[in-house]
């Protein structure tokens, strides 16, 4: 996968978040690694992930479940897993793929 920042959905996400929070480059580095891990597991680039999620609700729900599962695999710490999943949720939200507040079930 090419540089994540070259994808439209990633630049939109960064621009939207930085409009409010002005995150340091070091903070983006970690978030982009989370997104890269997620996209690698999904087998899609960021633009394709969002296109699929916006195109069909069931796909978006599957992606949210996958995000929760990957987060649990990445860390046993519940708070860290929640934060990891939050990065993916933020990416989806800032790209128009609305996600619900309640957690997605693992099944």
PDB file of N, CA and C in Angstrom:
ATOM      1  N   UNK A   1       0.857  -1.179   0.000  1.00  0.00           N
ATOM      2  CA  UNK A   1       0.000   0.000   0.000  1.00  0.00           C
ATOM      3  C   UNK A   1       0.899   1.237   0.000  1.00  0.00           C
ATOM      4  N   UNK A   2       0.519   2.209  -0.805  1.00  0.00           N
ATOM      5  CA  UNK A   2       1.306   3.445  -0.883  1.00  0.00           C
ATOM      6  C   UNK A   2       1.162   4.248   0.408  1.00  0.00           C
ATOM      7  N   UNK A   3       1.808   5.406   0.447  1.00  0.00           N
ATOM      8  CA  UNK A   3       1.741   6.285   1.611  1.00  0.00           C
ATOM      9  C   UNK A   3       0.273   6.579   1.941  1.00  0.00           C
ATOM     10  N   UNK A   4      -0.119   6.310   3.171  1.00  0.00           N
ATOM     11  CA  UNK A   4      -1.524   6.484   3.552  1.00  0.00           C
ATOM     12  C   UNK A   4      -2.026   7.906   3.346  1.00  0.00           C
ATOM     13  N   UNK A   5      -1.156   8.870   3.530  1.00  0.00           N
ATOM     14  CA  UNK A   5      -1.583  10.268   3.389  1.00  0.00           C
ATOM     15  C   UNK A   5      -1.986  10.625   1.957  1.00  0.00           C
ATOM     16  N   UNK A   6      -1.625   9.787   1.006  1.00  0.00           N
ATOM     17  CA  UNK A   6      -1.968  10.076  -0.388  1.00  0.00           C
ATOM     18  C   UNK A   6      -3.413   9.696  -0.724  1.00  0.00           C
ATOM     19  N   UNK A   7      -4.086   8.996   0.174  1.00  0.00           N
ATOM     20  CA  UNK A   7      -5.477   8.610  -0.065  1.00  0.00           C
ATOM     21  C   UNK A   7      -6.408   9.760   0.334  1.00  0.00           C
ATOM     22  N   UNK A   8      -7.420   9.991  -0.471  1.00  0.00           N
ATOM     23  CA  UNK A   8      -8.370  11.073  -0.220  1.00  0.00           C
ATOM     24  C   UNK A   8      -9.030  10.946   1.154  1.00  0.00           C
ATOM     25  N   UNK A   9      -9.436   9.745   1.521  1.00  0.00           N
ATOM     26  CA  UNK A   9     -10.122   9.559   2.801  1.00  0.00           C
ATOM     27  C   UNK A   9      -9.211   9.849   3.984  1.00  0.00           C
ATOM     28  N   UNK A  10      -7.937   9.563   3.841  1.00  0.00           N
ATOM     29  CA  UNK A  10      -6.979   9.823   4.928  1.00  0.00           C
ATOM     30  C   UNK A  10      -6.718  11.313   5.046  1.00  0.00           C
ATOM     31  N   UNK A  11      -6.526  11.988   3.926  1.00  0.00           N
ATOM     32  CA  UNK A  11      -6.298  13.435   4.000  1.00  0.00           C
ATOM     33  C   UNK A  11      -7.533  14.154   4.538  1.00  0.00           C
ATOM     34  N   UNK A  12      -8.730  13.682   4.165  1.00  0.00           N
ATOM     35  CA  UNK A  12      -9.968  14.268   4.696  1.00  0.00           C
ATOM     36  C   UNK A  12     -10.030  14.082   6.209  1.00  0.00           C
ATOM     37  N   UNK A  13      -9.731  12.883   6.667  1.00  0.00           N
ATOM     38  CA  UNK A  13      -9.734  12.571   8.096  1.00  0.00           C
ATOM     39  C   UNK A  13      -8.758  13.470   8.852  1.00  0.00           C
ATOM     40  N   UNK A  14      -7.529  13.546   8.367  1.00  0.00           N
ATOM     41  CA  UNK A  14      -6.511  14.374   9.029  1.00  0.00           C
ATOM     42  C   UNK A  14      -6.945  15.831   9.063  1.00  0.00           C
ATOM     43  N   UNK A  15      -7.408  16.348   7.930  1.00  0.00           N
ATOM     44  CA  UNK A  15      -7.847  17.751   7.870  1.00  0.00           C
ATOM     45  C   UNK A  15      -8.992  18.024   8.830  1.00  0.00           C
ATOM     46  N   UNK A  16      -9.981  17.141   8.877  1.00  0.00           N
ATOM     47  CA  UNK A  16     -11.134  17.339   9.760  1.00  0.00           C
ATOM     48  C   UNK A  16     -10.737  17.295  11.220  1.00  0.00           C
ATOM     49  N   UNK A  17      -9.942  16.320  11.600  1.00  0.00           N
ATOM     50  CA  UNK A  17      -9.517  16.206  12.998  1.00  0.00           C
ATOM     51  C   UNK A  17      -8.637  17.394  13.379  1.00  0.00           C
ATOM     52  N   UNK A  18      -7.698  17.753  12.516  1.00  0.00           N
ATOM     53  CA  UNK A  18      -6.791  18.862  12.837  1.00  0.00           C
ATOM     54  C   UNK A  18      -7.490  20.205  12.879  1.00  0.00           C
ATOM     55  N   UNK A  19      -8.643  20.311  12.233  1.00  0.00           N
ATOM     56  CA  UNK A  19      -9.399  21.555  12.302  1.00  0.00           C
ATOM     57  C   UNK A  19      -9.783  21.857  13.759  1.00  0.00           C
ATOM     58  N   UNK A  20      -9.996  20.816  14.542  1.00  0.00           N
ATOM     59  CA  UNK A  20     -10.407  20.985  15.934  1.00  0.00           C
ATOM     60  C   UNK A  20      -9.286  20.740  16.937  1.00  0.00           C
ATOM     61  N   UNK A  21      -8.395  19.804  16.652  1.00  0.00           N
ATOM     62  CA  UNK A  21      -7.433  19.371  17.677  1.00  0.00           C
ATOM     63  C   UNK A  21      -5.975  19.661  17.359  1.00  0.00           C
ATOM     64  N   UNK A  22      -5.630  19.924  16.131  1.00  0.00           N
ATOM     65  CA  UNK A  22      -4.237  20.209  15.743  1.00  0.00           C
ATOM     66  C   UNK A  22      -3.265  19.205  16.368  1.00  0.00           C
ATOM     67  N   UNK A  23      -3.446  17.946  16.018  1.00  0.00           N
ATOM     68  CA  UNK A  23      -2.605  16.892  16.570  1.00  0.00           C
ATOM     69  C   UNK A  23      -1.172  17.016  16.075  1.00  0.00           C
ATOM     70  N   UNK A  24      -0.245  16.681  16.948  1.00  0.00           N
ATOM     71  CA  UNK A  24       1.171  16.682  16.589  1.00  0.00           C
ATOM     72  C   UNK A  24       1.450  15.532  15.620  1.00  0.00           C
ATOM     73  N   UNK A  25       2.495  15.665  14.843  1.00  0.00           N
ATOM     74  CA  UNK A  25       2.873  14.621  13.895  1.00  0.00           C
ATOM     75  C   UNK A  25       3.088  13.292  14.604  1.00  0.00           C
ATOM     76  N   UNK A  26       3.630  13.318  15.810  1.00  0.00           N
ATOM     77  CA  UNK A  26       3.861  12.082  16.561  1.00  0.00           C
ATOM     78  C   UNK A  26       2.540  11.374  16.885  1.00  0.00           C
ATOM     79  N   UNK A  27       1.485  12.129  17.120  1.00  0.00           N
ATOM     80  CA  UNK A  27       0.183  11.526  17.376  1.00  0.00           C
ATOM     81  C   UNK A  27      -0.403  10.911  16.109  1.00  0.00           C
ATOM     82  N   UNK A  28      -0.185  11.557  14.975  1.00  0.00           N
ATOM     83  CA  UNK A  28      -0.679  11.014  13.709  1.00  0.00           C
ATOM     84  C   UNK A  28       0.070   9.751  13.323  1.00  0.00           C
ATOM     85  N   UNK A  29       1.338   9.686  13.663  1.00  0.00           N
ATOM     86  CA  UNK A  29       2.119   8.496  13.315  1.00  0.00           C
ATOM     87  C   UNK A  29       1.461   7.237  13.886  1.00  0.00           C
ATOM     88  N   UNK A  30       1.088   7.272  15.155  1.00  0.00           N
ATOM     89  CA  UNK A  30       0.434   6.132  15.784  1.00  0.00           C
ATOM     90  C   UNK A  30      -0.922   5.836  15.185  1.00  0.00           C
ATOM     91  N   UNK A  31      -1.701   6.870  14.915  1.00  0.00           N
ATOM     92  CA  UNK A  31      -3.033   6.686  14.326  1.00  0.00           C
ATOM     93  C   UNK A  31      -2.934   6.080  12.926  1.00  0.00           C
ATOM     94  N   UNK A  32      -1.964   6.537  12.167  1.00  0.00           N
ATOM     95  CA  UNK A  32      -1.796   6.009  10.814  1.00  0.00           C
ATOM     96  C   UNK A  32      -1.343   4.549  10.841  1.00  0.00           C
ATOM     97  N   UNK A  33      -0.572   4.174  11.833  1.00  0.00           N
ATOM     98  CA  UNK A  33      -0.175   2.759  11.960  1.00  0.00           C
ATOM     99  C   UNK A  33      -1.389   1.891  12.299  1.00  0.00           C
ATOM    100  N   UNK A  34      -2.270   2.402  13.132  1.00  0.00           N
ATOM    101  CA  UNK A  34      -3.513   1.687  13.445  1.00  0.00           C
ATOM    102  C   UNK A  34      -4.321   1.498  12.161  1.00  0.00           C
ATOM    103  N   UNK A  35      -4.470   2.571  11.395  1.00  0.00           N
ATOM    104  CA  UNK A  35      -5.237   2.489  10.149  1.00  0.00           C
ATOM    105  C   UNK A  35      -4.578   1.526   9.167  1.00  0.00           C
ATOM    106  N   UNK A  36      -3.253   1.554   9.070  1.00  0.00           N
ATOM    107  CA  UNK A  36      -2.553   0.647   8.159  1.00  0.00           C
ATOM    108  C   UNK A  36      -2.807  -0.816   8.555  1.00  0.00           C
ATOM    109  N   UNK A  37      -2.730  -1.099   9.849  1.00  0.00           N
ATOM    110  CA  UNK A  37      -2.992  -2.451  10.331  1.00  0.00           C
ATOM    111  C   UNK A  37      -4.407  -2.882   9.971  1.00  0.00           C
ATOM    112  N   UNK A  38      -5.358  -2.000  10.205  1.00  0.00           N
ATOM    113  CA  UNK A  38      -6.754  -2.304   9.894  1.00  0.00           C
ATOM    114  C   UNK A  38      -6.931  -2.572   8.395  1.00  0.00           C
ATOM    115  N   UNK A  39      -6.401  -1.693   7.561  1.00  0.00           N
ATOM    116  CA  UNK A  39      -6.555  -1.843   6.111  1.00  0.00           C
ATOM    117  C   UNK A  39      -5.868  -3.114   5.609  1.00  0.00           C
ATOM    118  N   UNK A  40      -4.701  -3.417   6.162  1.00  0.00           N
ATOM    119  CA  UNK A  40      -4.007  -4.650   5.783  1.00  0.00           C
ATOM    120  C   UNK A  40      -4.878  -5.866   6.079  1.00  0.00           C
ATOM    121  N   UNK A  41      -5.472  -5.879   7.258  1.00  0.00           N
ATOM    122  CA  UNK A  41      -6.341  -6.998   7.631  1.00  0.00           C
ATOM    123  C   UNK A  41      -7.598  -7.057   6.777  1.00  0.00           C
ATOM    124  N   UNK A  42      -8.110  -5.897   6.392  1.00  0.00           N
ATOM    125  CA  UNK A  42      -9.303  -5.845   5.556  1.00  0.00           C
ATOM    126  C   UNK A  42      -8.978  -6.194   4.103  1.00  0.00           C
ATOM    127  N   UNK A  43      -7.713  -6.094   3.748  1.00  0.00           N
ATOM    128  CA  UNK A  43      -7.314  -6.369   2.369  1.00  0.00           C
ATOM    129  C   UNK A  43      -7.731  -5.280   1.400  1.00  0.00           C
ATOM    130  N   UNK A  44      -7.882  -4.049   1.939  1.00  0.00           N
ATOM    131  CA  UNK A  44      -8.323  -2.921   1.111  1.00  0.00           C
ATOM    132  C   UNK A  44      -7.550  -1.673   1.504  1.00  0.00           C
ATOM    133  N   UNK A  45      -7.422  -0.750   0.555  1.00  0.00           N
ATOM    134  CA  UNK A  45      -6.821   0.537   0.894  1.00  0.00           C
ATOM    135  C   UNK A  45      -7.883   1.394   1.588  1.00  0.00           C
ATOM    136  N   UNK A  46      -7.481   2.502   2.221  1.00  0.00           N
ATOM    137  CA  UNK A  46      -8.453   3.318   2.973  1.00  0.00           C
ATOM    138  C   UNK A  46      -9.640   3.804   2.145  1.00  0.00           C
ATOM    139  N   UNK A  47      -9.396   4.237   0.916  1.00  0.00           N
ATOM    140  CA  UNK A  47     -10.503   4.712   0.075  1.00  0.00           C
ATOM    141  C   UNK A  47     -11.492   3.582  -0.227  1.00  0.00           C
ATOM    142  N   UNK A  48     -10.973   2.391  -0.474  1.00  0.00           N
ATOM    143  CA  UNK A  48     -11.843   1.241  -0.762  1.00  0.00           C
ATOM    144  C   UNK A  48     -12.629   0.818   0.475  1.00  0.00           C
ATOM    145  N   UNK A  49     -12.023   0.929   1.650  1.00  0.00           N
ATOM    146  CA  UNK A  49     -12.718   0.603   2.902  1.00  0.00           C
ATOM    147  C   UNK A  49     -13.934   1.514   3.058  1.00  0.00           C
ATOM    148  N   UNK A  50     -13.718   2.810   2.902  1.00  0.00           N
ATOM    149  CA  UNK A  50     -14.824   3.763   3.082  1.00  0.00           C
ATOM    150  C   UNK A  50     -15.874   3.579   1.997  1.00  0.00           C
ATOM    151  N   UNK A  51     -15.452   3.368   0.763  1.00  0.00           N
ATOM    152  CA  UNK A  51     -16.423   3.150  -0.322  1.00  0.00           C
ATOM    153  C   UNK A  51     -17.308   1.948  -0.017  1.00  0.00           C
ATOM    154  N   UNK A  52     -16.718   0.887   0.481  1.00  0.00           N
ATOM    155  CA  UNK A  52     -17.492  -0.313   0.816  1.00  0.00           C
ATOM    156  C   UNK A  52     -18.412  -0.052   2.003  1.00  0.00           C
ATOM    157  N   UNK A  53     -17.909   0.663   3.010  1.00  0.00           N
ATOM    158  CA  UNK A  53     -18.696   0.927   4.218  1.00  0.00           C
ATOM    159  C   UNK A  53     -19.871   1.847   3.948  1.00  0.00           C
ATOM    160  N   UNK A  54     -19.683   2.822   3.106  1.00  0.00           N
ATOM    161  CA  UNK A  54     -20.764   3.751   2.766  1.00  0.00           C
ATOM    162  C   UNK A  54     -21.761   3.072   1.828  1.00  0.00           C
ATOM    163  N   UNK A  55     -21.265   2.155   1.024  1.00  0.00           N
ATOM    164  CA  UNK A  55     -22.112   1.491   0.045  1.00  0.00           C
ATOM    165  C   UNK A  55     -23.091   0.496   0.619  1.00  0.00           C
ATOM    166  N   UNK A  56     -22.729  -0.132   1.736  1.00  0.00           N
ATOM    167  CA  UNK A  56     -23.599  -1.158   2.294  1.00  0.00           C
ATOM    168  C   UNK A  56     -23.441  -1.217   3.808  1.00  0.00           C
ATOM    169  N   UNK A  57     -24.545  -1.065   4.522  1.00  0.00           N
ATOM    170  CA  UNK A  57     -24.518  -1.041   5.990  1.00  0.00           C
ATOM    171  C   UNK A  57     -23.905  -2.312   6.567  1.00  0.00           C
ATOM    172  N   UNK A  58     -24.231  -3.451   6.014  1.00  0.00           N
ATOM    173  CA  UNK A  58     -23.711  -4.711   6.530  1.00  0.00           C
ATOM    174  C   UNK A  58     -22.199  -4.782   6.471  1.00  0.00           C
ATOM    175  N   UNK A  59     -21.619  -4.218   5.430  1.00  0.00           N
ATOM    176  CA  UNK A  59     -20.162  -4.190   5.303  1.00  0.00           C
ATOM    177  C   UNK A  59     -19.572  -3.316   6.402  1.00  0.00           C
ATOM    178  N   UNK A  60     -20.194  -2.170   6.633  1.00  0.00           N
ATOM    179  CA  UNK A  60     -19.708  -1.266   7.687  1.00  0.00           C
ATOM    180  C   UNK A  60     -19.758  -1.957   9.049  1.00  0.00           C
ATOM    181  N   UNK A  61     -20.830  -2.636   9.336  1.00  0.00           N
ATOM    182  CA  UNK A  61     -20.949  -3.366  10.606  1.00  0.00           C
ATOM    183  C   UNK A  61     -19.866  -4.433  10.706  1.00  0.00           C
ATOM    184  N   UNK A  62     -19.609  -5.146   9.623  1.00  0.00           N
ATOM    185  CA  UNK A  62     -18.538  -6.143   9.620  1.00  0.00           C
ATOM    186  C   UNK A  62     -17.181  -5.497   9.884  1.00  0.00           C
ATOM    187  N   UNK A  63     -16.937  -4.329   9.290  1.00  0.00           N
ATOM    188  CA  UNK A  63     -15.684  -3.619   9.541  1.00  0.00           C
ATOM    189  C   UNK A  63     -15.571  -3.209  11.013  1.00  0.00           C
ATOM    190  N   UNK A  64     -16.673  -2.758  11.607  1.00  0.00           N
ATOM    191  CA  UNK A  64     -16.632  -2.348  13.015  1.00  0.00           C
ATOM    192  C   UNK A  64     -16.352  -3.544  13.921  1.00  0.00           C
ATOM    193  N   UNK A  65     -16.939  -4.676  13.598  1.00  0.00           N
ATOM    194  CA  UNK A  65     -16.662  -5.899  14.358  1.00  0.00           C
ATOM    195  C   UNK A  65     -15.199  -6.303  14.202  1.00  0.00           C
ATOM    196  N   UNK A  66     -14.705  -6.205  12.981  1.00  0.00           N
ATOM    197  CA  UNK A  66     -13.314  -6.554  12.720  1.00  0.00           C
ATOM    198  C   UNK A  66     -12.380  -5.628  13.490  1.00  0.00           C
ATOM    199  N   UNK A  67     -12.704  -4.354  13.541  1.00  0.00           N
ATOM    200  CA  UNK A  67     -11.885  -3.398  14.279  1.00  0.00           C
ATOM    201  C   UNK A  67     -11.802  -3.770  15.755  1.00  0.00           C
ATOM    202  N   UNK A  68     -12.946  -4.101  16.336  1.00  0.00           N
ATOM    203  CA  UNK A  68     -12.953  -4.509  17.754  1.00  0.00           C
ATOM    204  C   UNK A  68     -12.102  -5.754  17.972  1.00  0.00           C
ATOM    205  N   UNK A  69     -12.199  -6.704  17.059  1.00  0.00           N
ATOM    206  CA  UNK A  69     -11.439  -7.945  17.178  1.00  0.00           C
ATOM    207  C   UNK A  69      -9.932  -7.686  17.063  1.00  0.00           C
ATOM    208  N   UNK A  70      -9.537  -6.889  16.097  1.00  0.00           N
ATOM    209  CA  UNK A  70      -8.118  -6.574  15.928  1.00  0.00           C
ATOM    210  C   UNK A  70      -7.604  -5.845  17.169  1.00  0.00           C
ATOM    211  N   UNK A  71      -8.389  -4.912  17.674  1.00  0.00           N
ATOM    212  CA  UNK A  71      -7.982  -4.160  18.860  1.00  0.00           C
ATOM    213  C   UNK A  71      -7.710  -5.097  20.035  1.00  0.00           C
ATOM    214  N   UNK A  72      -8.563  -6.090  20.207  1.00  0.00           N
ATOM    215  CA  UNK A  72      -8.367  -7.066  21.292  1.00  0.00           C
ATOM    216  C   UNK A  72      -7.112  -7.899  21.067  1.00  0.00           C
ATOM    217  N   UNK A  73      -6.800  -8.186  19.804  1.00  0.00           N
ATOM    218  CA  UNK A  73      -5.594  -8.947  19.491  1.00  0.00           C
ATOM    219  C   UNK A  73      -4.332  -8.115  19.697  1.00  0.00           C
ATOM    220  N   UNK A  74      -4.434  -6.818  19.496  1.00  0.00           N
ATOM    221  CA  UNK A  74      -3.278  -5.927  19.597  1.00  0.00           C
ATOM    222  C   UNK A  74      -2.850  -5.692  21.041  1.00  0.00           C
ATOM    223  N   UNK A  75      -3.822  -5.719  21.956  1.00  0.00           N
ATOM    224  CA  UNK A  75      -3.502  -5.445  23.357  1.00  0.00           C
ATOM    225  C   UNK A  75      -4.524  -6.100  24.276  1.00  0.00           C
ATOM    226  N   UNK A  76      -4.047  -6.577  25.395  1.00  0.00           N
ATOM    227  CA  UNK A  76      -4.944  -7.160  26.396  1.00  0.00           C
ATOM    228  C   UNK A  76      -5.557  -6.083  27.284  1.00  0.00           C
ATOM    229  N   UNK A  77      -5.004  -4.885  27.246  1.00  0.00           N
ATOM    230  CA  UNK A  77      -5.491  -3.776  28.055  1.00  0.00           C
ATOM    231  C   UNK A  77      -6.783  -3.230  27.440  1.00  0.00           C
ATOM    232  N   UNK A  78      -7.873  -3.286  28.178  1.00  0.00           N
ATOM    233  CA  UNK A  78      -9.184  -2.885  27.663  1.00  0.00           C
ATOM    234  C   UNK A  78      -9.196  -1.420  27.221  1.00  0.00           C
ATOM    235  N   UNK A  79      -8.565  -0.570  27.968  1.00  0.00           N
ATOM    236  CA  UNK A  79      -8.539   0.867  27.629  1.00  0.00           C
ATOM    237  C   UNK A  79      -7.770   1.095  26.329  1.00  0.00           C
ATOM    238  N   UNK A  80      -6.627   0.450  26.193  1.00  0.00           N
ATOM    239  CA  UNK A  80      -5.822   0.595  24.972  1.00  0.00           C
ATOM    240  C   UNK A  80      -6.577   0.038  23.763  1.00  0.00           C
ATOM    241  N   UNK A  81      -7.275  -1.079  23.950  1.00  0.00           N
ATOM    242  CA  UNK A  81      -8.066  -1.654  22.857  1.00  0.00           C
ATOM    243  C   UNK A  81      -9.191  -0.701  22.456  1.00  0.00           C
ATOM    244  N   UNK A  82      -9.824  -0.082  23.437  1.00  0.00           N
ATOM    245  CA  UNK A  82     -10.880   0.895  23.168  1.00  0.00           C
ATOM    246  C   UNK A  82     -10.314   2.076  22.365  1.00  0.00           C
ATOM    247  N   UNK A  83      -9.145   2.555  22.761  1.00  0.00           N
ATOM    248  CA  UNK A  83      -8.514   3.669  22.053  1.00  0.00           C
ATOM    249  C   UNK A  83      -8.151   3.276  20.620  1.00  0.00           C
ATOM    250  N   UNK A  84      -7.639   2.055  20.442  1.00  0.00           N
ATOM    251  CA  UNK A  84      -7.273   1.557  19.117  1.00  0.00           C
ATOM    252  C   UNK A  84      -8.519   1.552  18.222  1.00  0.00           C
ATOM    253  N   UNK A  85      -9.589   0.988  18.738  1.00  0.00           N
ATOM    254  CA  UNK A  85     -10.850   0.933  17.997  1.00  0.00           C
ATOM    255  C   UNK A  85     -11.369   2.341  17.715  1.00  0.00           C
ATOM    256  N   UNK A  86     -11.163   3.254  18.644  1.00  0.00           N
ATOM    257  CA  UNK A  86     -11.605   4.633  18.474  1.00  0.00           C
ATOM    258  C   UNK A  86     -10.951   5.324  17.286  1.00  0.00           C
ATOM    259  N   UNK A  87      -9.714   4.969  17.002  1.00  0.00           N
ATOM    260  CA  UNK A  87      -9.030   5.536  15.838  1.00  0.00           C
ATOM    261  C   UNK A  87      -9.769   5.139  14.559  1.00  0.00           C
ATOM    262  N   UNK A  88     -10.137   3.881  14.465  1.00  0.00           N
ATOM    263  CA  UNK A  88     -10.845   3.404  13.276  1.00  0.00           C
ATOM    264  C   UNK A  88     -12.233   4.040  13.192  1.00  0.00           C
ATOM    265  N   UNK A  89     -12.908   4.134  14.302  1.00  0.00           N
ATOM    266  CA  UNK A  89     -14.230   4.762  14.317  1.00  0.00           C
ATOM    267  C   UNK A  89     -14.134   6.218  13.864  1.00  0.00           C
ATOM    268  N   UNK A  90     -13.110   6.926  14.318  1.00  0.00           N
ATOM    269  CA  UNK A  90     -12.891   8.311  13.912  1.00  0.00           C
ATOM    270  C   UNK A  90     -12.688   8.405  12.405  1.00  0.00           C
ATOM    271  N   UNK A  91     -11.875   7.508  11.865  1.00  0.00           N
ATOM    272  CA  UNK A  91     -11.643   7.481  10.418  1.00  0.00           C
ATOM    273  C   UNK A  91     -12.958   7.301   9.660  1.00  0.00           C
ATOM    274  N   UNK A  92     -13.789   6.388  10.113  1.00  0.00           N
ATOM    275  CA  UNK A  92     -15.082   6.152   9.466  1.00  0.00           C
ATOM    276  C   UNK A  92     -15.984   7.385   9.593  1.00  0.00           C
ATOM    277  N   UNK A  93     -16.109   7.916  10.774  1.00  0.00           N
ATOM    278  CA  UNK A  93     -17.005   9.046  11.021  1.00  0.00           C
ATOM    279  C   UNK A  93     -16.626  10.249  10.170  1.00  0.00           C
ATOM    280  N   UNK A  94     -15.339  10.576  10.121  1.00  0.00           N
ATOM    281  CA  UNK A  94     -14.896  11.757   9.370  1.00  0.00           C
ATOM    282  C   UNK A  94     -14.965  11.556   7.863  1.00  0.00           C
ATOM    283  N   UNK A  95     -15.301  10.350   7.454  1.00  0.00           N
ATOM    284  CA  UNK A  95     -15.471  10.079   6.027  1.00  0.00           C
ATOM    285  C   UNK A  95     -16.916   9.728   5.674  1.00  0.00           C
ATOM    286  N   UNK A  96     -17.847  10.086   6.547  1.00  0.00           N
ATOM    287  CA  UNK A  96     -19.254   9.945   6.244  1.00  0.00           C
ATOM    288  C   UNK A  96     -19.856   8.567   6.456  1.00  0.00           C
ATOM    289  N   UNK A  97     -19.096   7.664   7.058  1.00  0.00           N
ATOM    290  CA  UNK A  97     -19.618   6.325   7.359  1.00  0.00           C
ATOM    291  C   UNK A  97     -20.032   6.324   8.825  1.00  0.00           C
ATOM    292  N   UNK A  98     -21.222   6.807   9.075  1.00  0.00           N
ATOM    293  CA  UNK A  98     -21.722   6.971  10.443  1.00  0.00           C
ATOM    294  C   UNK A  98     -21.687   5.646  11.187  1.00  0.00           C
ATOM    295  N   UNK A  99     -21.174   5.702  12.399  1.00  0.00           N
ATOM    296  CA  UNK A  99     -21.158   4.523  13.263  1.00  0.00           C
ATOM    297  C   UNK A  99     -21.961   4.828  14.509  1.00  0.00           C
ATOM    298  N   UNK A 100     -22.592   3.808  15.048  1.00  0.00           N
ATOM    299  CA  UNK A 100     -23.454   4.007  16.211  1.00  0.00           C
ATOM    300  C   UNK A 100     -22.623   4.103  17.480  1.00  0.00           C
ATOM    301  N   UNK A 101     -23.229   4.697  18.499  1.00  0.00           N
ATOM    302  CA  UNK A 101     -22.543   4.868  19.761  1.00  0.00           C
ATOM    303  C   UNK A 101     -22.397   3.538  20.498  1.00  0.00           C
ATOM    304  N   UNK A 102     -23.464   2.722  20.457  1.00  0.00           N
ATOM    305  CA  UNK A 102     -23.400   1.447  21.165  1.00  0.00           C
ATOM    306  C   UNK A 102     -22.352   0.558  20.501  1.00  0.00           C
ATOM    307  N   UNK A 103     -21.708  -0.273  21.297  1.00  0.00           N
ATOM    308  CA  UNK A 103     -20.675  -1.140  20.705  1.00  0.00           C
ATOM    309  C   UNK A 103     -21.285  -2.179  19.772  1.00  0.00           C
ATOM    310  N   UNK A 104     -20.526  -2.522  18.759  1.00  0.00           N
ATOM    311  CA  UNK A 104     -20.933  -3.601  17.859  1.00  0.00           C
ATOM    312  C   UNK A 104     -20.600  -4.920  18.510  1.00  0.00           C
ATOM    313  N   UNK A 105     -21.546  -5.859  18.469  1.00  0.00           N
ATOM    314  CA  UNK A 105     -21.312  -7.181  19.031  1.00  0.00           C
ATOM    315  C   UNK A 105     -20.201  -7.873  18.261  1.00  0.00           C
ATOM    316  N   UNK A 106     -19.542  -8.803  18.931  1.00  0.00           N
ATOM    317  CA  UNK A 106     -18.456  -9.537  18.309  1.00  0.00           C
ATOM    318  C   UNK A 106     -18.932 -10.625  17.378  1.00  0.00           C
ATOM    319  N   UNK A 107     -20.232 -10.935  17.386  1.00  0.00           N
ATOM    320  CA  UNK A 107     -20.712 -12.039  16.536  1.00  0.00           C
ATOM    321  C   UNK A 107     -21.192 -11.573  15.204  1.00  0.00           C
TER     322      UNK A 107
END
